[in-house]
Amino acid sequence: MLNLSNVGRIFYGIAIAGIGLLTIQAKDFPYMLIPENHVWIPGLPILACVCGAMLMLAGACIVFPKSAGPVSLILATALLLVFCFYFIPYQFIGNPNYMYWGEWENAEKELALSAGAFAIAGCFPPKNQNPLTWHLTKLISFGAILFSITITCFGIDHFLYAKDAAGYIPSWIPGHIYWIYITGTALVCSGLAIIFKIKPRLMAALLGTMIFTWFIILHIPKVIAASFSDTGGEVTSAFLALAYSGIAFA
């Protein structure tokens, strides 16, 4: 499991660095980092580049690793604050369709990345507590729970929007709609198993393997056919899949 957690850490770090690179390239935030309607932010291109550079640095620190524990904790806390104090108010105040389950998908993706950073930090418990990390380490144990909740929500999405999601299945795989139901069931079962501690390590390893399989057979071909500048499309989705796989392994 130690080697698998190292693989997960590397996957997650690469994904975070990749998302940071996309942010700099577009001079704008990818669709799941902050709510879409954010053009009102002063100096948006500069802020996006600064945040993108910080994400790239954080990803590099996690991959190599260099101060991976504290960096992961800071990243996790920053993403969680965005979720609590930007995504949630935006959904209830700025989104008239907040009652629809699918409208929370981007917020769930951002929360999953935060949970992943907490999980990565859990691989590097600090030897000496200090004022900066002491209170943050109290949240590490919530990483697996937060991630499992989002994974369960993603599984529910597969059932609610099965017909739309079926179009993402490669054409050479038969029975698209059935695969959507199968993967949705696997996501829900994996999330619930981790939450209720039913063979959580085995379920997390199987979950990470499944998502990485999607990354290879579904996302990589779509990335090859897409433009790297498409931060709201296939490249970002591929990095998210790699991040989720890494989180599960970690």
Protein backbone atom coordinates (compact mmCIF):
# COMPACT_ATOMS: atom_id res chain seq x y z
CA MET A 1 0.00 0.00 0.00
CA LEU A 2 2.97 2.33 0.61
CA ASN A 3 4.09 2.05 -3.02
CA LEU A 4 0.52 2.56 -4.20
CA SER A 5 0.21 5.70 -2.10
CA ASN A 6 3.41 7.03 -3.70
CA VAL A 7 1.91 6.42 -7.14
CA GLY A 8 -1.23 8.25 -6.05
CA ARG A 9 0.79 11.18 -4.73
CA ILE A 10 2.63 11.49 -8.06
CA PHE A 11 -0.61 11.26 -10.06
CA TYR A 12 -2.21 13.96 -7.93
CA GLY A 13 0.83 16.24 -8.09
CA ILE A 14 1.03 15.96 -11.87
CA ALA A 15 -2.68 16.76 -12.16
CA ILE A 16 -2.44 19.83 -9.91
CA ALA A 17 0.60 21.10 -11.82
CA GLY A 18 -1.21 20.48 -15.10
CA ILE A 19 -4.27 22.40 -13.95
CA GLY A 20 -1.95 25.23 -12.91
CA LEU A 21 -0.34 25.24 -16.36
CA LEU A 22 -3.77 25.39 -18.02
CA THR A 23 -4.70 28.31 -15.77
CA ILE A 24 -1.61 30.25 -16.83
CA GLN A 25 -2.06 29.37 -20.49
CA ALA A 26 -5.67 30.62 -20.55
CA LYS A 27 -5.13 33.50 -18.09
CA ASP A 28 -8.38 32.30 -16.57
CA PHE A 29 -9.51 29.72 -14.05
CA PRO A 30 -10.68 26.28 -15.21
CA TYR A 31 -14.40 25.69 -14.80
CA MET A 32 -14.19 23.71 -11.56
CA LEU A 33 -11.76 25.83 -9.52
CA ILE A 34 -14.16 28.73 -9.03
CA PRO A 35 -17.73 29.41 -10.25
CA GLU A 36 -17.98 30.16 -13.95
CA ASN A 37 -19.33 33.71 -13.61
CA HIS A 38 -16.18 35.34 -12.28
CA VAL A 39 -15.38 38.00 -14.88
CA TRP A 40 -16.09 40.66 -12.24
CA ILE A 41 -12.85 39.80 -10.39
CA PRO A 42 -10.39 42.75 -10.72
CA GLY A 43 -7.16 41.90 -12.53
CA LEU A 44 -8.45 38.45 -13.44
CA PRO A 45 -5.66 37.55 -15.94
CA ILE A 46 -2.91 38.48 -13.47
CA LEU A 47 -4.61 36.72 -10.57
CA ALA A 48 -5.14 33.62 -12.68
CA CYS A 49 -1.47 33.52 -13.67
CA VAL A 50 -0.33 33.94 -10.07
CA CYS A 51 -2.68 31.19 -8.85
CA GLY A 52 -1.64 28.98 -11.76
CA ALA A 53 2.01 29.39 -10.86
CA MET A 54 1.24 28.53 -7.24
CA LEU A 55 -0.62 25.40 -8.35
CA MET A 56 2.32 24.35 -10.53
CA LEU A 57 4.69 24.88 -7.60
CA ALA A 58 2.40 22.94 -5.27
CA GLY A 59 2.15 20.11 -7.77
CA ALA A 60 5.93 19.96 -8.15
CA CYS A 61 6.41 19.89 -4.37
CA ILE A 62 3.93 17.01 -4.10
CA VAL A 63 5.50 14.99 -6.94
CA PHE A 64 9.16 15.10 -5.92
CA PRO A 65 8.31 15.49 -2.91
CA LYS A 66 9.58 18.73 -1.39
CA SER A 67 7.71 19.83 1.73
CA ALA A 68 4.79 17.77 0.38
CA GLY A 69 3.01 17.56 3.73
CA PRO A 70 2.74 21.29 4.57
CA VAL A 71 2.16 22.22 0.91
CA SER A 72 -0.68 19.70 0.62
CA LEU A 73 -2.27 21.00 3.80
CA ILE A 74 -2.13 24.60 2.59
CA LEU A 75 -3.53 23.61 -0.82
CA ALA A 76 -6.31 21.57 0.77
CA THR A 77 -7.29 24.40 3.09
CA ALA A 78 -7.27 26.98 0.29
CA LEU A 79 -9.50 24.83 -1.91
CA LEU A 80 -11.84 24.09 0.99
CA LEU A 81 -12.16 27.80 1.73
CA VAL A 82 -13.04 28.47 -1.91
CA PHE A 83 -15.70 25.77 -1.72
CA CYS A 84 -17.20 27.07 1.54
CA PHE A 85 -17.02 30.81 0.96
CA TYR A 86 -17.33 31.12 -2.83
CA PHE A 87 -18.96 28.05 -4.37
CA ILE A 88 -21.68 27.60 -1.76
CA PRO A 89 -22.76 31.28 -1.62
CA TYR A 90 -22.65 31.44 -5.42
CA GLN A 91 -24.85 28.36 -5.77
CA PHE A 92 -27.52 29.65 -3.41
CA ILE A 93 -27.40 33.34 -4.37
CA GLY A 94 -26.18 33.50 -7.96
CA ASN A 95 -27.51 30.28 -9.44
CA PRO A 96 -31.32 30.09 -9.80
CA ASN A 97 -31.05 26.36 -10.56
CA TYR A 98 -29.28 25.42 -7.33
CA MET A 99 -31.99 22.88 -6.53
CA TYR A 100 -30.92 20.73 -9.49
CA TRP A 101 -28.41 18.04 -8.53
CA GLY A 102 -26.29 18.50 -11.64
CA GLU A 103 -25.70 22.19 -10.91
CA TRP A 104 -23.40 21.19 -8.02
CA GLU A 105 -21.07 19.08 -10.16
CA ASN A 106 -18.29 21.67 -10.47
CA ALA A 107 -18.43 22.44 -6.75
CA GLU A 108 -18.13 18.71 -6.04
CA LYS A 109 -15.07 18.47 -8.30
CA GLU A 110 -13.38 21.33 -6.45
CA LEU A 111 -14.22 19.72 -3.10
CA ALA A 112 -12.78 16.41 -4.33
CA LEU A 113 -9.46 18.13 -5.11
CA SER A 114 -9.43 19.65 -1.63
CA ALA A 115 -10.13 16.25 -0.08
CA GLY A 116 -7.33 14.78 -2.17
CA ALA A 117 -4.83 17.29 -0.87
CA PHE A 118 -5.81 16.36 2.70
CA ALA A 119 -5.34 12.69 1.82
CA ILE A 120 -1.89 13.40 0.36
CA ALA A 121 -0.98 15.36 3.48
CA GLY A 122 -1.95 12.31 5.52
CA CYS A 123 0.92 10.45 3.88
CA PHE A 124 3.36 12.93 5.44
CA PRO A 125 2.39 13.50 9.08
CA PRO A 126 4.55 16.30 10.49
CA LYS A 127 7.22 15.13 12.95
CA ASN A 128 7.26 18.44 14.77
CA GLN A 129 4.05 20.39 15.15
CA ASN A 130 4.19 24.14 14.60
CA PRO A 131 1.55 26.90 14.72
CA LEU A 132 1.13 26.82 10.91
CA THR A 133 0.35 23.13 10.55
CA TRP A 134 -1.01 22.08 13.94
CA HIS A 135 -4.64 23.11 13.36
CA LEU A 136 -4.55 22.03 9.72
CA THR A 137 -3.55 18.46 10.59
CA LYS A 138 -6.82 18.12 12.49
CA LEU A 139 -8.60 18.14 9.14
CA ILE A 140 -6.52 15.37 7.53
CA SER A 141 -8.86 12.64 8.75
CA PHE A 142 -11.73 14.28 6.89
CA GLY A 143 -9.97 13.94 3.54
CA ALA A 144 -11.11 10.37 2.89
CA ILE A 145 -14.66 11.16 4.00
CA LEU A 146 -14.94 14.28 1.83
CA PHE A 147 -13.54 12.44 -1.17
CA SER A 148 -15.87 9.49 -0.64
CA ILE A 149 -18.87 11.81 -0.44
CA THR A 150 -17.98 13.43 -3.75
CA ILE A 151 -17.32 10.05 -5.37
CA THR A 152 -20.76 8.88 -4.21
CA CYS A 153 -22.29 12.04 -5.70
CA PHE A 154 -20.50 11.41 -9.00
CA GLY A 155 -21.97 7.92 -9.00
CA ILE A 156 -25.47 9.32 -8.51
CA ASP A 157 -24.81 11.66 -11.45
CA HIS A 158 -24.25 8.59 -13.63
CA PHE A 159 -27.81 7.46 -12.94
CA LEU A 160 -29.47 10.86 -13.20
CA TYR A 161 -27.74 11.81 -16.45
CA ALA A 162 -27.06 8.38 -17.91
CA LYS A 163 -28.14 9.22 -21.45
CA ASP A 164 -25.90 12.28 -21.61
CA ALA A 165 -22.95 10.48 -20.04
CA ALA A 166 -23.28 7.53 -22.43
CA GLY A 167 -21.87 9.69 -25.21
CA TYR A 168 -18.50 9.77 -23.45
CA ILE A 169 -18.02 6.02 -23.76
CA PRO A 170 -15.68 5.11 -26.67
CA SER A 171 -17.56 3.96 -29.75
CA TRP A 172 -15.75 0.59 -29.83
CA ILE A 173 -17.24 -0.39 -26.45
CA PRO A 174 -20.75 -1.90 -26.80
CA GLY A 175 -23.65 -1.22 -24.46
CA HIS A 176 -22.83 2.39 -23.55
CA ILE A 177 -25.79 2.93 -21.25
CA TYR A 178 -25.10 -0.26 -19.32
CA TRP A 179 -21.49 0.77 -18.70
CA ILE A 180 -22.73 4.07 -17.30
CA TYR A 181 -24.94 2.22 -14.84
CA ILE A 182 -22.13 -0.19 -13.94
CA THR A 183 -19.62 2.58 -13.30
CA GLY A 184 -22.21 4.60 -11.39
CA THR A 185 -22.87 1.62 -9.14
CA ALA A 186 -19.14 1.09 -8.64
CA LEU A 187 -18.64 4.74 -7.66
CA VAL A 188 -21.51 4.72 -5.17
CA CYS A 189 -20.44 1.41 -3.64
CA SER A 190 -16.79 2.51 -3.39
CA GLY A 191 -17.69 5.80 -1.77
CA LEU A 192 -20.01 4.23 0.77
CA ALA A 193 -17.57 1.41 1.53
CA ILE A 194 -14.80 3.89 2.35
CA ILE A 195 -17.13 6.03 4.49
CA PHE A 196 -18.36 3.03 6.49
CA LYS A 197 -14.89 1.40 6.54
CA ILE A 198 -15.87 -1.74 4.68
CA LYS A 199 -12.48 -2.95 3.43
CA PRO A 200 -11.61 0.69 2.69
CA ARG A 201 -8.05 0.08 1.41
CA LEU A 202 -9.16 -2.59 -1.04
CA MET A 203 -12.12 -0.51 -2.22
CA ALA A 204 -9.95 2.59 -2.62
CA ALA A 205 -7.37 0.61 -4.62
CA LEU A 206 -10.09 -0.80 -6.89
CA LEU A 207 -11.60 2.67 -7.27
CA GLY A 208 -8.26 4.17 -8.24
CA THR A 209 -7.66 1.39 -10.75
CA MET A 210 -11.08 1.90 -12.33
CA ILE A 211 -10.65 5.65 -12.67
CA PHE A 212 -7.13 5.24 -14.07
CA THR A 213 -8.55 2.82 -16.65
CA TRP A 214 -11.00 5.54 -17.69
CA PHE A 215 -8.11 7.95 -17.89
CA ILE A 216 -6.31 5.67 -20.36
CA ILE A 217 -9.15 4.45 -22.59
CA LEU A 218 -11.50 7.44 -22.42
CA HIS A 219 -9.70 10.68 -21.54
CA ILE A 220 -6.36 10.22 -23.33
CA PRO A 221 -7.98 9.63 -26.77
CA LYS A 222 -10.21 12.66 -26.25
CA VAL A 223 -7.23 14.79 -25.25
CA ILE A 224 -5.38 13.75 -28.39
CA ALA A 225 -8.33 14.94 -30.44
CA ALA A 226 -8.75 18.17 -28.44
CA SER A 227 -6.84 21.44 -28.21
CA PHE A 228 -4.57 22.06 -25.23
CA SER A 229 -6.03 25.56 -24.98
CA ASP A 230 -9.46 24.10 -24.24
CA THR A 231 -9.30 24.56 -20.46
CA GLY A 232 -13.01 23.92 -20.09
CA GLY A 233 -12.90 20.63 -21.95
CA GLU A 234 -11.07 17.39 -22.37
CA VAL A 235 -7.61 18.36 -21.10
CA THR A 236 -8.96 19.58 -17.78
CA SER A 237 -11.21 16.53 -17.49
CA ALA A 238 -8.21 14.26 -18.06
CA PHE A 239 -6.24 15.97 -15.29
CA LEU A 240 -9.23 15.61 -12.98
CA ALA A 241 -9.49 11.89 -13.71
CA LEU A 242 -5.76 11.47 -13.02
CA ALA A 243 -6.15 13.42 -9.77
CA TYR A 244 -9.11 11.31 -8.61
CA SER A 245 -7.24 8.10 -9.38
CA GLY A 246 -4.26 9.38 -7.41
CA ILE A 247 -6.44 10.40 -4.47
CA ALA A 248 -7.98 6.94 -4.28
CA PHE A 249 -4.54 5.30 -4.38
CA ALA A 250 -3.26 7.66 -1.66
